[in-house]
Amino acid sequence: MAPSLLVLAAGMGSRYGGLKQLDPVGPSGETMLDYAVFDAVRAGFGKVVFVIRRDFEPAFKERVAAKYAGRIGVDYVCQSLDALPSGHVPAAGRVKPWGTGHAVWCARDAINEPFAAIGADDFFGRDAFSQLACFLSRPGEQRSRSSGGAAPAAFAMVGYRLDRTLSEHGTVSRGICTVGENGLLEAIAERTAIDPSQLGRGDLRGDQIVSMNCFGFTPALFGSLDGQLSAFLDARGAEPAAEFYLPAVVSTMIARGEATVRVLPSGGEWFGITHRDDRPRVVAALAALVAGGEYPDRLF
């Protein structure tokens, strides 16, 4: 069964000031999403599922769906504040989305096969999708944890060097990874307000592996995800800005022995747009990849 690609595209990008997901950055007007889907298609993914918000659903479908017709199956899931496990309701006045863990939970009925999960506004590179497709297609990796205590689910995460994921135009948040000698992820610690000047000072080093929310999962994720989301809402559901983060879900599953996560070091380059002034660098980097033959002049 070909793996699917789950794209988390419901965020608005408040620091950037608009819909980064639909911003043209490629030589022929391609978006970051276009490069992700193109790389997924050539790596052998069979379907892409977009998690979006209803308030920009028409614009997103108009500018995305037609481009991919005939190249890969496309499905949509809407992330909304009131889409919650049974017995839970959003707090009065809540307007902020529940976060990346909740976005993946919203897609639980749309995915029944191994899948990769990524953000919509980052460039992960061809190598990331090739490695994930290979991992998710290996029969030996497709173990799932049952209620009877079977072997832990086998997941994967593409890791990038910290110094290759920073911005010259402001601070960023990154998930700093602890990786064992066996290549398995042990924990992810969220760090905020990181800038290049901090490297080599304190406990931050350029060669540390970070999570950029580029994961490979099986549907075994959803059972634990449901329970963790309910527990999060019980504890913090009344907070107006609390978010349920996917890396925290993964770390909890590792700590409980519910999953192992193989770290796949990326041989390619990551880049993204956190701040508006990051955009020229991204445009130039994509143009260079096209000029070097890594991508065609027009993707779709």
C-alpha atoms as a PDB file:
ATOM      1  CA  MET A   1       0.000   0.000   0.000  1.00  0.00           C
ATOM      2  CA  ALA A   2       1.470   3.359  -1.012  1.00  0.00           C
ATOM      3  CA  PRO A   3       1.925   5.758   1.896  1.00  0.00           C
ATOM      4  CA  SER A   4      -0.058   8.983   2.138  1.00  0.00           C
ATOM      5  CA  LEU A   5       1.138  12.512   2.800  1.00  0.00           C
ATOM      6  CA  LEU A   6      -0.655  14.529   5.486  1.00  0.00           C
ATOM      7  CA  VAL A   7      -0.047  18.278   5.124  1.00  0.00           C
ATOM      8  CA  LEU A   8      -0.875  20.524   8.081  1.00  0.00           C
ATOM      9  CA  ALA A   9      -2.027  23.714   6.384  1.00  0.00           C
ATOM     10  CA  ALA A  10      -4.474  25.238   8.866  1.00  0.00           C
ATOM     11  CA  GLY A  11      -2.084  27.785  10.404  1.00  0.00           C
ATOM     12  CA  MET A  12      -2.211  31.392   9.292  1.00  0.00           C
ATOM     13  CA  GLY A  13       1.444  32.303   9.947  1.00  0.00           C
ATOM     14  CA  SER A  14       0.878  35.259  12.269  1.00  0.00           C
ATOM     15  CA  ARG A  15       4.499  36.492  12.208  1.00  0.00           C
ATOM     16  CA  TYR A  16       4.575  36.355   8.423  1.00  0.00           C
ATOM     17  CA  GLY A  17       1.307  38.238   8.027  1.00  0.00           C
ATOM     18  CA  GLY A  18      -0.725  36.122   5.624  1.00  0.00           C
ATOM     19  CA  LEU A  19      -1.296  32.745   4.025  1.00  0.00           C
ATOM     20  CA  LYS A  20       2.239  31.465   3.520  1.00  0.00           C
ATOM     21  CA  GLN A  21       0.762  28.244   2.145  1.00  0.00           C
ATOM     22  CA  LEU A  22      -0.414  30.027  -1.009  1.00  0.00           C
ATOM     23  CA  ASP A  23       2.522  32.389  -1.484  1.00  0.00           C
ATOM     24  CA  PRO A  24       4.306  31.868  -4.848  1.00  0.00           C
ATOM     25  CA  VAL A  25       8.042  31.321  -4.295  1.00  0.00           C
ATOM     26  CA  GLY A  26       9.097  29.141  -7.252  1.00  0.00           C
ATOM     27  CA  PRO A  27      10.224  30.372 -10.703  1.00  0.00           C
ATOM     28  CA  SER A  28       6.814  29.627 -12.229  1.00  0.00           C
ATOM     29  CA  GLY A  29       4.752  30.713  -9.243  1.00  0.00           C
ATOM     30  CA  GLU A  30       5.027  27.446  -7.296  1.00  0.00           C
ATOM     31  CA  THR A  31       4.222  27.387  -3.573  1.00  0.00           C
ATOM     32  CA  MET A  32       6.057  25.472  -0.868  1.00  0.00           C
ATOM     33  CA  LEU A  33       3.164  23.008  -1.021  1.00  0.00           C
ATOM     34  CA  ASP A  34       3.824  22.380  -4.696  1.00  0.00           C
ATOM     35  CA  TYR A  35       7.398  21.304  -3.981  1.00  0.00           C
ATOM     36  CA  ALA A  36       6.291  19.015  -1.150  1.00  0.00           C
ATOM     37  CA  VAL A  37       3.642  17.336  -3.295  1.00  0.00           C
ATOM     38  CA  PHE A  38       6.015  17.046  -6.268  1.00  0.00           C
ATOM     39  CA  ASP A  39       8.636  15.357  -4.090  1.00  0.00           C
ATOM     40  CA  ALA A  40       5.998  13.077  -2.559  1.00  0.00           C
ATOM     41  CA  VAL A  41       4.727  12.004  -5.982  1.00  0.00           C
ATOM     42  CA  ARG A  42       8.170  11.066  -7.260  1.00  0.00           C
ATOM     43  CA  ALA A  43       8.936   9.240  -3.992  1.00  0.00           C
ATOM     44  CA  GLY A  44       5.867   7.022  -4.477  1.00  0.00           C
ATOM     45  CA  PHE A  45       3.231   8.505  -2.170  1.00  0.00           C
ATOM     46  CA  GLY A  46      -0.285   7.688  -3.364  1.00  0.00           C
ATOM     47  CA  LYS A  47      -2.469  10.352  -1.736  1.00  0.00           C
ATOM     48  CA  VAL A  48      -2.179  13.758  -0.120  1.00  0.00           C
ATOM     49  CA  VAL A  49      -4.542  14.903   2.634  1.00  0.00           C
ATOM     50  CA  PHE A  50      -4.612  18.607   3.479  1.00  0.00           C
ATOM     51  CA  VAL A  51      -5.709  19.801   6.924  1.00  0.00           C
ATOM     52  CA  ILE A  52      -7.152  23.267   6.368  1.00  0.00           C
ATOM     53  CA  ARG A  53      -9.560  25.724   7.984  1.00  0.00           C
ATOM     54  CA  ARG A  54     -13.060  26.395   6.724  1.00  0.00           C
ATOM     55  CA  ASP A  55     -12.506  30.149   6.509  1.00  0.00           C
ATOM     56  CA  PHE A  56     -10.042  29.737   3.630  1.00  0.00           C
ATOM     57  CA  GLU A  57     -11.303  26.407   2.271  1.00  0.00           C
ATOM     58  CA  PRO A  58     -12.687  27.791  -1.044  1.00  0.00           C
ATOM     59  CA  ALA A  59      -9.493  29.724  -1.887  1.00  0.00           C
ATOM     60  CA  PHE A  60      -7.295  26.784  -0.948  1.00  0.00           C
ATOM     61  CA  LYS A  61      -9.230  24.287  -3.050  1.00  0.00           C
ATOM     62  CA  GLU A  62      -9.403  26.629  -6.033  1.00  0.00           C
ATOM     63  CA  ARG A  63      -5.633  27.182  -6.075  1.00  0.00           C
ATOM     64  CA  VAL A  64      -4.514  23.676  -5.066  1.00  0.00           C
ATOM     65  CA  ALA A  65      -6.866  20.886  -6.158  1.00  0.00           C
ATOM     66  CA  ALA A  66      -6.816  21.496  -9.911  1.00  0.00           C
ATOM     67  CA  LYS A  67      -3.017  21.497 -10.083  1.00  0.00           C
ATOM     68  CA  TYR A  68      -2.661  18.000  -8.675  1.00  0.00           C
ATOM     69  CA  ALA A  69      -5.526  16.342 -10.551  1.00  0.00           C
ATOM     70  CA  GLY A  70      -4.316  13.207 -12.257  1.00  0.00           C
ATOM     71  CA  ARG A  71      -0.960  13.245 -10.465  1.00  0.00           C
ATOM     72  CA  ILE A  72      -1.963  12.148  -6.957  1.00  0.00           C
ATOM     73  CA  GLY A  73      -5.191  11.593  -5.028  1.00  0.00           C
ATOM     74  CA  VAL A  74      -6.268  14.644  -3.006  1.00  0.00           C
ATOM     75  CA  ASP A  75      -8.449  14.829   0.094  1.00  0.00           C
ATOM     76  CA  TYR A  76      -9.270  17.601   2.571  1.00  0.00           C
ATOM     77  CA  VAL A  77      -9.966  17.676   6.296  1.00  0.00           C
ATOM     78  CA  CYS A  78     -11.042  20.793   8.187  1.00  0.00           C
ATOM     79  CA  GLN A  79      -9.547  21.609  11.577  1.00  0.00           C
ATOM     80  CA  SER A  80     -12.047  23.477  13.724  1.00  0.00           C
ATOM     81  CA  LEU A  81     -12.166  24.468  17.377  1.00  0.00           C
ATOM     82  CA  ASP A  82     -15.211  22.311  18.102  1.00  0.00           C
ATOM     83  CA  ALA A  83     -13.809  19.140  16.496  1.00  0.00           C
ATOM     84  CA  LEU A  84     -12.858  17.460  19.773  1.00  0.00           C
ATOM     85  CA  PRO A  85     -13.077  14.047  21.466  1.00  0.00           C
ATOM     86  CA  SER A  86     -16.474  13.173  22.915  1.00  0.00           C
ATOM     87  CA  GLY A  87     -17.331  15.083  26.080  1.00  0.00           C
ATOM     88  CA  HIS A  88     -15.170  18.119  25.332  1.00  0.00           C
ATOM     89  CA  VAL A  89     -16.139  21.594  24.135  1.00  0.00           C
ATOM     90  CA  PRO A  90     -13.925  24.621  23.445  1.00  0.00           C
ATOM     91  CA  ALA A  91     -13.671  27.245  26.170  1.00  0.00           C
ATOM     92  CA  ALA A  92     -15.756  30.369  25.695  1.00  0.00           C
ATOM     93  CA  GLY A  93     -13.853  32.988  23.713  1.00  0.00           C
ATOM     94  CA  ARG A  94     -11.285  30.552  22.348  1.00  0.00           C
ATOM     95  CA  VAL A  95     -10.199  31.544  18.819  1.00  0.00           C
ATOM     96  CA  LYS A  96      -6.687  30.027  18.507  1.00  0.00           C
ATOM     97  CA  PRO A  97      -6.413  26.601  16.815  1.00  0.00           C
ATOM     98  CA  TRP A  98      -5.512  23.683  19.074  1.00  0.00           C
ATOM     99  CA  GLY A  99      -2.141  22.991  17.434  1.00  0.00           C
ATOM    100  CA  THR A 100      -0.392  20.400  15.304  1.00  0.00           C
ATOM    101  CA  GLY A 101      -1.357  17.387  17.421  1.00  0.00           C
ATOM    102  CA  HIS A 102      -5.026  18.301  17.091  1.00  0.00           C
ATOM    103  CA  ALA A 103      -4.597  18.862  13.333  1.00  0.00           C
ATOM    104  CA  VAL A 104      -3.329  15.301  12.896  1.00  0.00           C
ATOM    105  CA  TRP A 105      -6.152  13.985  15.114  1.00  0.00           C
ATOM    106  CA  CYS A 106      -8.682  15.677  12.801  1.00  0.00           C
ATOM    107  CA  ALA A 107      -7.395  13.516   9.918  1.00  0.00           C
ATOM    108  CA  ARG A 108      -7.878  10.180  11.714  1.00  0.00           C
ATOM    109  CA  ASP A 109     -10.818   9.098   9.534  1.00  0.00           C
ATOM    110  CA  ALA A 110      -9.105  10.065   6.260  1.00  0.00           C
ATOM    111  CA  ILE A 111      -5.996   7.896   6.663  1.00  0.00           C
ATOM    112  CA  ASN A 112      -5.836   4.109   6.988  1.00  0.00           C
ATOM    113  CA  GLU A 113      -2.299   3.522   5.741  1.00  0.00           C
ATOM    114  CA  PRO A 114       1.252   4.531   6.731  1.00  0.00           C
ATOM    115  CA  PHE A 115       1.695   8.268   6.248  1.00  0.00           C
ATOM    116  CA  ALA A 116       4.107  11.164   6.485  1.00  0.00           C
ATOM    117  CA  ALA A 117       3.032  14.323   8.303  1.00  0.00           C
ATOM    118  CA  ILE A 118       4.544  17.713   7.463  1.00  0.00           C
ATOM    119  CA  GLY A 119       3.864  21.418   7.807  1.00  0.00           C
ATOM    120  CA  ALA A 120       2.664  23.316   4.758  1.00  0.00           C
ATOM    121  CA  ASP A 121       5.112  26.200   4.757  1.00  0.00           C
ATOM    122  CA  ASP A 122       8.492  24.465   4.826  1.00  0.00           C
ATOM    123  CA  PHE A 123      10.756  23.017   2.136  1.00  0.00           C
ATOM    124  CA  PHE A 124      11.971  19.579   3.231  1.00  0.00           C
ATOM    125  CA  GLY A 125      13.747  18.447   0.077  1.00  0.00           C
ATOM    126  CA  ARG A 126      13.657  15.378  -2.114  1.00  0.00           C
ATOM    127  CA  ASP A 127      15.812  13.323   0.254  1.00  0.00           C
ATOM    128  CA  ALA A 128      13.320  13.664   3.109  1.00  0.00           C
ATOM    129  CA  PHE A 129      10.434  12.218   1.103  1.00  0.00           C
ATOM    130  CA  SER A 130      12.560   9.463  -0.385  1.00  0.00           C
ATOM    131  CA  GLN A 131      13.710   8.352   3.062  1.00  0.00           C
ATOM    132  CA  LEU A 132      10.195   8.471   4.504  1.00  0.00           C
ATOM    133  CA  ALA A 133       8.708   6.550   1.562  1.00  0.00           C
ATOM    134  CA  CYS A 134      11.367   3.858   1.958  1.00  0.00           C
ATOM    135  CA  PHE A 135      10.794   3.584   5.709  1.00  0.00           C
ATOM    136  CA  LEU A 136       6.993   3.508   5.454  1.00  0.00           C
ATOM    137  CA  SER A 137       7.059   0.896   2.685  1.00  0.00           C
ATOM    138  CA  ARG A 138       9.215  -1.632   4.549  1.00  0.00           C
ATOM    139  CA  PRO A 139       6.974  -4.453   5.835  1.00  0.00           C
ATOM    140  CA  GLY A 140       9.220  -4.958   8.852  1.00  0.00           C
ATOM    141  CA  GLU A 141       8.532  -1.402  10.013  1.00  0.00           C
ATOM    142  CA  GLN A 142       4.760  -1.757   9.901  1.00  0.00           C
ATOM    143  CA  ARG A 143       4.237  -2.972  13.406  1.00  0.00           C
ATOM    144  CA  SER A 144       1.429  -1.626  15.528  1.00  0.00           C
ATOM    145  CA  ARG A 145       0.788  -1.693  19.228  1.00  0.00           C
ATOM    146  CA  SER A 146      -2.416  -3.481  20.252  1.00  0.00           C
ATOM    147  CA  SER A 147      -4.263  -3.286  23.553  1.00  0.00           C
ATOM    148  CA  GLY A 148      -2.657  -6.593  24.441  1.00  0.00           C
ATOM    149  CA  GLY A 149       0.811  -5.031  24.655  1.00  0.00           C
ATOM    150  CA  ALA A 150       2.303  -6.003  21.306  1.00  0.00           C
ATOM    151  CA  ALA A 151       5.514  -4.509  19.984  1.00  0.00           C
ATOM    152  CA  PRO A 152       5.662  -0.710  19.916  1.00  0.00           C
ATOM    153  CA  ALA A 153       4.664   1.121  16.763  1.00  0.00           C
ATOM    154  CA  ALA A 154       7.600   1.987  14.500  1.00  0.00           C
ATOM    155  CA  PHE A 155       7.667   5.658  13.464  1.00  0.00           C
ATOM    156  CA  ALA A 156      10.312   7.853  11.836  1.00  0.00           C
ATOM    157  CA  MET A 157      11.399  11.489  11.899  1.00  0.00           C
ATOM    158  CA  VAL A 158      13.547  13.357   9.410  1.00  0.00           C
ATOM    159  CA  GLY A 159      16.131  15.317  11.382  1.00  0.00           C
ATOM    160  CA  TYR A 160      17.998  18.470  10.344  1.00  0.00           C
ATOM    161  CA  ARG A 161      21.029  20.247  11.755  1.00  0.00           C
ATOM    162  CA  LEU A 162      20.039  23.177  13.948  1.00  0.00           C
ATOM    163  CA  ASP A 163      22.405  25.609  12.229  1.00  0.00           C
ATOM    164  CA  ARG A 164      20.706  24.944   8.876  1.00  0.00           C
ATOM    165  CA  THR A 165      17.231  25.812  10.131  1.00  0.00           C
ATOM    166  CA  LEU A 166      17.698  29.294  11.599  1.00  0.00           C
ATOM    167  CA  SER A 167      16.643  32.704  10.323  1.00  0.00           C
ATOM    168  CA  GLU A 168      18.775  35.822   9.951  1.00  0.00           C
ATOM    169  CA  HIS A 169      15.689  37.979  10.432  1.00  0.00           C
ATOM    170  CA  GLY A 170      14.362  36.973  13.831  1.00  0.00           C
ATOM    171  CA  THR A 171      14.106  34.206  16.357  1.00  0.00           C
ATOM    172  CA  VAL A 172      12.597  30.773  15.791  1.00  0.00           C
ATOM    173  CA  SER A 173      11.346  27.874  17.893  1.00  0.00           C
ATOM    174  CA  ARG A 174      12.894  24.448  17.369  1.00  0.00           C
ATOM    175  CA  GLY A 175      12.446  20.967  18.800  1.00  0.00           C
ATOM    176  CA  ILE A 176      15.916  19.923  20.017  1.00  0.00           C
ATOM    177  CA  CYS A 177      16.264  16.148  19.743  1.00  0.00           C
ATOM    178  CA  THR A 178      18.057  13.661  21.933  1.00  0.00           C
ATOM    179  CA  VAL A 179      19.106  10.742  19.725  1.00  0.00           C
ATOM    180  CA  GLY A 180      20.491   7.491  21.091  1.00  0.00           C
ATOM    181  CA  GLU A 181      23.489   5.643  19.710  1.00  0.00           C
ATOM    182  CA  ASN A 182      21.033   3.215  18.086  1.00  0.00           C
ATOM    183  CA  GLY A 183      19.631   6.057  15.965  1.00  0.00           C
ATOM    184  CA  LEU A 184      16.320   6.171  17.819  1.00  0.00           C
ATOM    185  CA  LEU A 185      14.766   9.365  19.091  1.00  0.00           C
ATOM    186  CA  GLU A 186      14.720   9.589  22.879  1.00  0.00           C
ATOM    187  CA  ALA A 187      13.047  12.969  23.436  1.00  0.00           C
ATOM    188  CA  ILE A 188      12.199  16.329  21.843  1.00  0.00           C
ATOM    189  CA  ALA A 189      12.631  19.500  23.908  1.00  0.00           C
ATOM    190  CA  GLU A 190      10.925  22.614  22.563  1.00  0.00           C
ATOM    191  CA  ARG A 191      13.169  25.704  22.602  1.00  0.00           C
ATOM    192  CA  THR A 192      11.921  29.167  21.776  1.00  0.00           C
ATOM    193  CA  ALA A 193      13.573  32.432  20.725  1.00  0.00           C
ATOM    194  CA  ILE A 194      16.636  30.878  19.033  1.00  0.00           C
ATOM    195  CA  ASP A 195      18.841  32.975  16.750  1.00  0.00           C
ATOM    196  CA  PRO A 196      22.217  32.210  15.102  1.00  0.00           C
ATOM    197  CA  SER A 197      24.187  34.246  17.647  1.00  0.00           C
ATOM    198  CA  GLN A 198      23.336  31.729  20.379  1.00  0.00           C
ATOM    199  CA  LEU A 199      25.113  28.787  18.729  1.00  0.00           C
ATOM    200  CA  GLY A 200      28.191  27.689  20.652  1.00  0.00           C
ATOM    201  CA  ARG A 201      26.989  29.497  23.753  1.00  0.00           C
ATOM    202  CA  GLY A 202      25.296  27.589  26.531  1.00  0.00           C
ATOM    203  CA  ASP A 203      23.802  24.286  25.448  1.00  0.00           C
ATOM    204  CA  LEU A 204      23.033  25.128  21.811  1.00  0.00           C
ATOM    205  CA  ARG A 205      25.299  23.714  19.100  1.00  0.00           C
ATOM    206  CA  GLY A 206      25.001  23.954  15.339  1.00  0.00           C
ATOM    207  CA  ASP A 207      25.252  20.204  14.825  1.00  0.00           C
ATOM    208  CA  GLN A 208      22.344  19.327  17.099  1.00  0.00           C
ATOM    209  CA  ILE A 209      19.480  17.489  15.404  1.00  0.00           C
ATOM    210  CA  VAL A 210      16.139  19.267  15.418  1.00  0.00           C
ATOM    211  CA  SER A 211      12.639  18.215  14.523  1.00  0.00           C
ATOM    212  CA  MET A 212      10.978  20.277  11.810  1.00  0.00           C
ATOM    213  CA  ASN A 213       7.705  18.350  12.134  1.00  0.00           C
ATOM    214  CA  CYS A 214       8.542  15.928   9.317  1.00  0.00           C
ATOM    215  CA  PHE A 215       7.382  12.547  10.619  1.00  0.00           C
ATOM    216  CA  GLY A 216       6.526   9.100   9.330  1.00  0.00           C
ATOM    217  CA  PHE A 217       3.672   7.329  11.130  1.00  0.00           C
ATOM    218  CA  THR A 218       1.375   4.332  10.962  1.00  0.00           C
ATOM    219  CA  PRO A 219      -2.319   4.531  11.942  1.00  0.00           C
ATOM    220  CA  ALA A 220      -1.208   3.179  15.339  1.00  0.00           C
ATOM    221  CA  LEU A 221      -0.604   6.830  16.193  1.00  0.00           C
ATOM    222  CA  PHE A 222      -4.285   7.692  16.378  1.00  0.00           C
ATOM    223  CA  GLY A 223      -5.209   5.602  19.434  1.00  0.00           C
ATOM    224  CA  SER A 224      -2.614   7.261  21.651  1.00  0.00           C
ATOM    225  CA  LEU A 225      -3.296  10.629  20.039  1.00  0.00           C
ATOM    226  CA  ASP A 226      -6.956  10.443  21.024  1.00  0.00           C
ATOM    227  CA  GLY A 227      -6.160   9.653  24.650  1.00  0.00           C
ATOM    228  CA  GLN A 228      -3.483  12.315  24.906  1.00  0.00           C
ATOM    229  CA  LEU A 229      -5.741  14.962  23.383  1.00  0.00           C
ATOM    230  CA  SER A 230      -8.481  14.155  25.907  1.00  0.00           C
ATOM    231  CA  ALA A 231      -5.982  14.378  28.771  1.00  0.00           C
ATOM    232  CA  PHE A 232      -4.661  17.685  27.419  1.00  0.00           C
ATOM    233  CA  LEU A 233      -8.171  19.139  27.240  1.00  0.00           C
ATOM    234  CA  ASP A 234      -8.940  17.979  30.785  1.00  0.00           C
ATOM    235  CA  ALA A 235      -5.820  19.721  32.061  1.00  0.00           C
ATOM    236  CA  ARG A 236      -5.530  22.796  29.846  1.00  0.00           C
ATOM    237  CA  GLY A 237      -8.703  23.087  27.778  1.00  0.00           C
ATOM    238  CA  ALA A 238      -9.778  26.256  29.582  1.00  0.00           C
ATOM    239  CA  GLU A 239      -6.581  28.112  28.664  1.00  0.00           C
ATOM    240  CA  PRO A 240      -7.247  30.503  25.741  1.00  0.00           C
ATOM    241  CA  ALA A 241      -3.938  29.923  23.941  1.00  0.00           C
ATOM    242  CA  ALA A 242      -2.741  26.446  25.000  1.00  0.00           C
ATOM    243  CA  GLU A 243      -1.664  24.262  22.055  1.00  0.00           C
ATOM    244  CA  PHE A 244      -1.444  20.497  21.692  1.00  0.00           C
ATOM    245  CA  TYR A 245       1.858  19.907  19.889  1.00  0.00           C
ATOM    246  CA  LEU A 246       2.632  16.845  17.775  1.00  0.00           C
ATOM    247  CA  PRO A 247       6.253  16.512  19.028  1.00  0.00           C
ATOM    248  CA  ALA A 248       4.934  16.313  22.602  1.00  0.00           C
ATOM    249  CA  VAL A 249       2.630  13.461  21.538  1.00  0.00           C
ATOM    250  CA  VAL A 250       5.575  11.624  20.008  1.00  0.00           C
ATOM    251  CA  SER A 251       7.758  12.172  23.086  1.00  0.00           C
ATOM    252  CA  THR A 252       5.016  10.825  25.338  1.00  0.00           C
ATOM    253  CA  MET A 253       4.596   7.705  23.221  1.00  0.00           C
ATOM    254  CA  ILE A 254       8.356   7.091  23.383  1.00  0.00           C
ATOM    255  CA  ALA A 255       8.392   7.541  27.165  1.00  0.00           C
ATOM    256  CA  ARG A 256       5.498   5.106  27.568  1.00  0.00           C
ATOM    257  CA  GLY A 257       7.102   2.501  25.332  1.00  0.00           C
ATOM    258  CA  GLU A 258       4.257   2.826  22.825  1.00  0.00           C
ATOM    259  CA  ALA A 259       6.499   3.744  19.903  1.00  0.00           C
ATOM    260  CA  THR A 260      10.037   3.870  18.605  1.00  0.00           C
ATOM    261  CA  VAL A 261      11.065   6.703  16.307  1.00  0.00           C
ATOM    262  CA  ARG A 262      13.901   6.162  13.849  1.00  0.00           C
ATOM    263  CA  VAL A 263      15.775   9.412  13.146  1.00  0.00           C
ATOM    264  CA  LEU A 264      16.495   9.779   9.423  1.00  0.00           C
ATOM    265  CA  PRO A 265      19.261  12.391   9.056  1.00  0.00           C
ATOM    266  CA  SER A 266      18.478  14.553   6.047  1.00  0.00           C
ATOM    267  CA  GLY A 267      21.049  14.686   3.295  1.00  0.00           C
ATOM    268  CA  GLY A 268      19.285  17.659   1.752  1.00  0.00           C
ATOM    269  CA  GLU A 269      18.530  21.228   2.708  1.00  0.00           C
ATOM    270  CA  TRP A 270      15.631  22.588   4.756  1.00  0.00           C
ATOM    271  CA  PHE A 271      14.426  26.122   4.413  1.00  0.00           C
ATOM    272  CA  GLY A 272      11.276  27.963   5.300  1.00  0.00           C
ATOM    273  CA  ILE A 273       9.619  31.311   5.755  1.00  0.00           C
ATOM    274  CA  THR A 274       9.166  32.242   9.395  1.00  0.00           C
ATOM    275  CA  HIS A 275       9.552  35.990   8.910  1.00  0.00           C
ATOM    276  CA  ARG A 276       8.654  37.955   5.792  1.00  0.00           C
ATOM    277  CA  ASP A 277      12.306  38.881   5.192  1.00  0.00           C
ATOM    278  CA  ASP A 278      13.108  35.161   4.840  1.00  0.00           C
ATOM    279  CA  ARG A 279      11.268  35.056   1.532  1.00  0.00           C
ATOM    280  CA  PRO A 280      14.045  36.351  -0.800  1.00  0.00           C
ATOM    281  CA  ARG A 281      16.428  33.636   0.442  1.00  0.00           C
ATOM    282  CA  VAL A 282      13.827  30.935  -0.212  1.00  0.00           C
ATOM    283  CA  VAL A 283      13.109  32.267  -3.707  1.00  0.00           C
ATOM    284  CA  ALA A 284      16.849  32.310  -4.517  1.00  0.00           C
ATOM    285  CA  ALA A 285      17.400  28.800  -3.095  1.00  0.00           C
ATOM    286  CA  LEU A 286      14.572  27.325  -5.162  1.00  0.00           C
ATOM    287  CA  ALA A 287      15.818  29.071  -8.293  1.00  0.00           C
ATOM    288  CA  ALA A 288      19.253  27.533  -7.705  1.00  0.00           C
ATOM    289  CA  LEU A 289      17.777  24.044  -7.335  1.00  0.00           C
ATOM    290  CA  VAL A 290      15.862  24.487 -10.583  1.00  0.00           C
ATOM    291  CA  ALA A 291      18.977  25.766 -12.353  1.00  0.00           C
ATOM    292  CA  GLY A 292      20.889  22.742 -11.060  1.00  0.00           C
ATOM    293  CA  GLY A 293      18.345  20.315 -12.477  1.00  0.00           C
ATOM    294  CA  GLU A 294      16.868  19.131  -9.172  1.00  0.00           C
ATOM    295  CA  TYR A 295      13.422  20.421 -10.199  1.00  0.00           C
ATOM    296  CA  PRO A 296      11.836  21.322 -13.541  1.00  0.00           C
ATOM    297  CA  ASP A 297      11.010  24.909 -14.432  1.00  0.00           C
ATOM    298  CA  ARG A 298       7.313  24.148 -13.870  1.00  0.00           C
ATOM    299  CA  LEU A 299       6.172  21.475 -11.415  1.00  0.00           C
ATOM    300  CA  PHE A 300       2.485  21.059 -12.346  1.00  0.00           C
END
